[in-house]
């Protein structure tokens, strides 16, 4: 599944990032790499979403979120 399909307050593990190389490298520099844990803070399904990884909150646009493949993890409490 892609990150945009995820649910609020759930954590996911990044499996792959399928973006153009420059953008993929920028996300890697921010800490979004394969195997990273990502928590969805706000996903309204219509636009940008807010996520947390490596202890920092980020806003990701739809196009980027749809190209980050993840697998489900445990629900955060």
Protein backbone atom coordinates (compact mmCIF):
# COMPACT_ATOMS: atom_id res chain seq x y z
CA UNK A 1 0.00 0.00 0.00
CA UNK A 2 1.11 3.59 -0.38
CA UNK A 3 1.44 6.06 2.47
CA UNK A 4 -1.54 8.17 1.33
CA UNK A 5 -3.82 5.15 1.94
CA UNK A 6 -2.76 5.01 5.61
CA UNK A 7 -4.88 5.82 8.65
CA UNK A 8 -4.39 8.57 11.23
CA UNK A 9 -2.41 7.63 14.37
CA UNK A 10 -1.05 4.43 12.81
CA UNK A 11 2.61 3.66 12.21
CA UNK A 12 4.01 2.17 9.04
CA UNK A 13 7.37 0.90 7.84
CA UNK A 14 8.74 2.26 4.55
CA UNK A 15 9.33 -0.49 2.00
CA UNK A 16 10.31 1.58 -1.03
CA UNK A 17 10.32 5.12 -2.37
CA UNK A 18 9.48 5.39 -6.08
CA UNK A 19 10.24 9.03 -6.90
CA UNK A 20 12.68 10.79 -9.18
CA UNK A 21 16.20 10.42 -7.85
CA UNK A 22 16.66 14.03 -6.69
CA UNK A 23 13.51 14.04 -4.60
CA UNK A 24 14.25 10.58 -3.24
CA UNK A 25 17.69 11.76 -2.13
CA UNK A 26 16.17 14.81 -0.42
CA UNK A 27 13.77 12.61 1.55
CA UNK A 28 16.66 10.32 2.48
CA UNK A 29 18.61 13.34 3.75
CA UNK A 30 15.63 14.16 5.99
CA UNK A 31 15.66 10.60 7.33
CA UNK A 32 12.89 9.00 5.29
CA UNK A 33 14.65 5.82 4.16
CA UNK A 34 13.67 2.21 3.56
CA UNK A 35 12.91 0.60 6.89
CA UNK A 36 12.07 3.92 8.60
CA UNK A 37 8.99 4.05 10.83
CA UNK A 38 6.43 6.71 9.84
CA UNK A 39 3.45 7.77 11.94
CA UNK A 40 0.53 9.46 10.20
CA UNK A 41 -0.64 12.46 12.21
CA UNK A 42 -3.24 13.85 9.79
CA UNK A 43 -4.42 12.36 6.53
CA UNK A 44 -7.56 14.09 5.30
CA UNK A 45 -7.39 12.15 2.00
CA UNK A 46 -7.92 15.33 -0.07
CA UNK A 47 -4.52 17.02 0.01
CA UNK A 48 -1.27 17.13 1.90
CA UNK A 49 -0.77 14.91 4.92
CA UNK A 50 1.22 15.39 8.11
CA UNK A 51 3.55 12.62 9.23
CA UNK A 52 6.22 12.10 11.87
CA UNK A 53 9.47 10.26 11.32
CA UNK A 54 12.79 10.47 13.12
CA UNK A 55 11.10 12.65 15.76
CA UNK A 56 10.14 15.47 13.39
CA UNK A 57 6.82 16.41 11.80
CA UNK A 58 6.63 16.86 8.03
CA UNK A 59 3.94 17.72 5.52
CA UNK A 60 3.95 15.56 2.40
CA UNK A 61 1.94 16.30 -0.73
CA UNK A 62 -0.34 13.72 -2.32
CA UNK A 63 2.01 12.94 -5.20
CA UNK A 64 4.92 12.22 -2.89
CA UNK A 65 2.83 10.20 -0.41
CA UNK A 66 1.40 8.04 -3.20
CA UNK A 67 4.92 7.02 -4.25
CA UNK A 68 6.07 5.89 -0.79
CA UNK A 69 5.26 2.22 -0.34
CA UNK A 70 4.69 1.06 3.24
CA UNK A 71 3.54 -1.91 5.25
CA UNK A 72 1.32 -1.68 8.29
CA UNK A 73 2.81 -1.59 11.75
CA UNK A 74 1.34 -1.39 15.22
CA UNK A 75 -1.12 1.33 16.16
CA UNK A 76 0.45 4.04 18.28
CA UNK A 77 -1.08 4.63 21.70
